[in-house]
Amino acid sequence: KKKGGDKFGGTDSDLRGLTLQDGYKILKFLRHSDEEIDLLDRWDRIMLIEEYASALGTEEIPLLSKFARNAPKLTENEIRERDETQKKVNKLFQVQCKALSSSKPPEYLSK
């Protein structure tokens, strides 16, 4: 007997029920190009969706979290640390984008 009743692979949702079109929509949401998606058959799309869902774990993407396989549960402290780190990364990224989009060369190059 399967663990978890009719669930497949420890997921909250049965991945076998995804259609080719469902897989297309989810992968499009994940910013895959039409060309990439068209190269994948239904099962390859499902496997890729499962990989994304499992890698993201408990992230706040309801679309994917229901397909996560045995995703580890984060403690409140781990979630807080992850969020703080992500804020720092976002701030650095914004500074880099601003520097790269500036038409004025950096000061150290103009000396």
Protein backbone atom coordinates (compact mmCIF):
# COMPACT_ATOMS: atom_id res chain seq x y z
CA LYS A 1 0.00 0.00 0.00
CA LYS A 2 1.27 3.48 -0.87
CA LYS A 3 2.16 5.78 1.98
CA GLY A 4 -0.35 8.65 2.21
CA GLY A 5 -3.22 6.90 0.44
CA ASP A 6 -3.54 7.83 -3.21
CA LYS A 7 -0.88 10.53 -3.04
CA PHE A 8 2.17 10.04 -5.22
CA GLY A 9 5.74 10.39 -3.98
CA GLY A 10 4.93 12.22 -0.75
CA THR A 11 3.32 15.18 -2.51
CA ASP A 12 0.16 16.96 -1.42
CA SER A 13 -1.12 16.78 -4.96
CA ASP A 14 -1.03 14.00 -7.50
CA LEU A 15 1.43 15.04 -10.20
CA ARG A 16 0.12 12.32 -12.50
CA GLY A 17 -3.02 14.42 -12.98
CA LEU A 18 -1.16 17.29 -14.66
CA THR A 19 -1.94 17.58 -18.36
CA LEU A 20 0.51 18.67 -21.03
CA GLN A 21 -1.19 22.10 -21.05
CA ASP A 22 -1.05 22.38 -17.23
CA GLY A 23 2.69 21.68 -17.39
CA TYR A 24 3.07 24.33 -20.09
CA LYS A 25 1.26 26.96 -18.00
CA ILE A 26 3.30 26.24 -14.86
CA LEU A 27 6.64 26.26 -16.72
CA LYS A 28 5.63 29.46 -18.50
CA PHE A 29 4.91 30.98 -15.07
CA LEU A 30 8.45 29.92 -14.09
CA ARG A 31 9.75 31.92 -17.07
CA HIS A 32 10.72 29.10 -19.39
CA SER A 33 10.58 30.01 -23.06
CA ASP A 34 8.10 28.42 -25.45
CA GLU A 35 11.02 26.79 -27.28
CA GLU A 36 12.29 25.13 -24.09
CA ILE A 37 8.84 23.92 -23.08
CA ASP A 38 8.03 22.57 -26.54
CA LEU A 39 11.08 20.29 -26.34
CA LEU A 40 9.70 18.55 -23.25
CA ASP A 41 7.11 15.81 -23.29
CA ARG A 42 4.45 15.60 -20.56
CA TRP A 43 6.49 13.53 -18.11
CA ASP A 44 9.59 15.69 -18.55
CA ARG A 45 7.47 18.75 -17.77
CA ILE A 46 6.06 17.03 -14.68
CA MET A 47 9.55 16.03 -13.47
CA LEU A 48 10.81 19.60 -13.94
CA ILE A 49 7.84 21.02 -12.02
CA GLU A 50 8.48 18.53 -9.21
CA GLU A 51 12.16 19.56 -9.09
CA TYR A 52 11.22 23.24 -8.81
CA ALA A 53 8.62 22.53 -6.13
CA SER A 54 10.96 20.38 -4.06
CA ALA A 55 13.88 22.80 -4.39
CA LEU A 56 11.74 25.69 -3.21
CA GLY A 57 10.52 23.69 -0.22
CA THR A 58 8.17 25.81 1.85
CA GLU A 59 8.42 28.97 -0.24
CA GLU A 60 5.26 31.02 -0.54
CA ILE A 61 4.36 29.93 -4.07
CA PRO A 62 1.07 28.08 -3.66
CA LEU A 63 1.16 27.01 -7.29
CA LEU A 64 4.28 24.93 -6.63
CA SER A 65 4.21 24.12 -2.94
CA LYS A 66 1.43 21.57 -3.42
CA PHE A 67 3.73 19.58 -5.74
CA ALA A 68 6.78 19.55 -3.43
CA ARG A 69 8.07 16.10 -2.53
CA ASN A 70 8.84 15.62 1.13
CA ALA A 71 9.97 19.22 1.43
CA PRO A 72 11.82 20.02 4.64
CA LYS A 73 9.96 22.23 7.09
CA LEU A 74 11.87 25.34 8.16
CA THR A 75 11.84 26.63 11.71
CA GLU A 76 10.75 30.21 12.41
CA ASN A 77 14.39 31.15 13.04
CA GLU A 78 15.48 29.62 9.70
CA ILE A 79 12.70 31.47 7.89
CA ARG A 80 13.69 34.76 9.56
CA GLU A 81 17.38 34.23 8.67
CA ARG A 82 16.46 33.34 5.09
CA ASP A 83 14.30 36.45 4.77
CA GLU A 84 17.01 38.72 6.22
CA THR A 85 19.60 37.27 3.86
CA GLN A 86 17.24 37.72 0.91
CA LYS A 87 16.69 41.38 1.84
CA LYS A 88 20.47 41.93 1.89
CA VAL A 89 20.84 40.22 -1.48
CA ASN A 90 18.02 42.32 -2.94
CA LYS A 91 19.63 45.52 -1.66
CA LEU A 92 23.01 44.59 -3.17
CA PHE A 93 21.31 43.70 -6.43
CA GLN A 94 19.58 47.09 -6.57
CA VAL A 95 22.88 48.88 -5.93
CA GLN A 96 24.54 46.87 -8.70
CA CYS A 97 21.70 47.57 -11.13
CA LYS A 98 21.91 51.28 -10.37
CA ALA A 99 25.68 51.28 -10.89
CA LEU A 100 25.42 49.35 -14.15
CA SER A 101 22.66 51.56 -15.54
CA SER A 102 24.50 54.79 -14.75
CA SER A 103 25.92 56.64 -17.76
CA LYS A 104 28.58 58.24 -15.57
CA PRO A 105 31.76 56.15 -15.09
CA PRO A 106 32.80 55.24 -11.52
CA GLU A 107 35.01 57.81 -9.78
CA TYR A 108 38.02 55.52 -9.61
CA LEU A 109 38.06 55.33 -13.44
CA SER A 110 37.92 59.11 -13.96
CA LYS A 111 41.14 59.88 -12.07
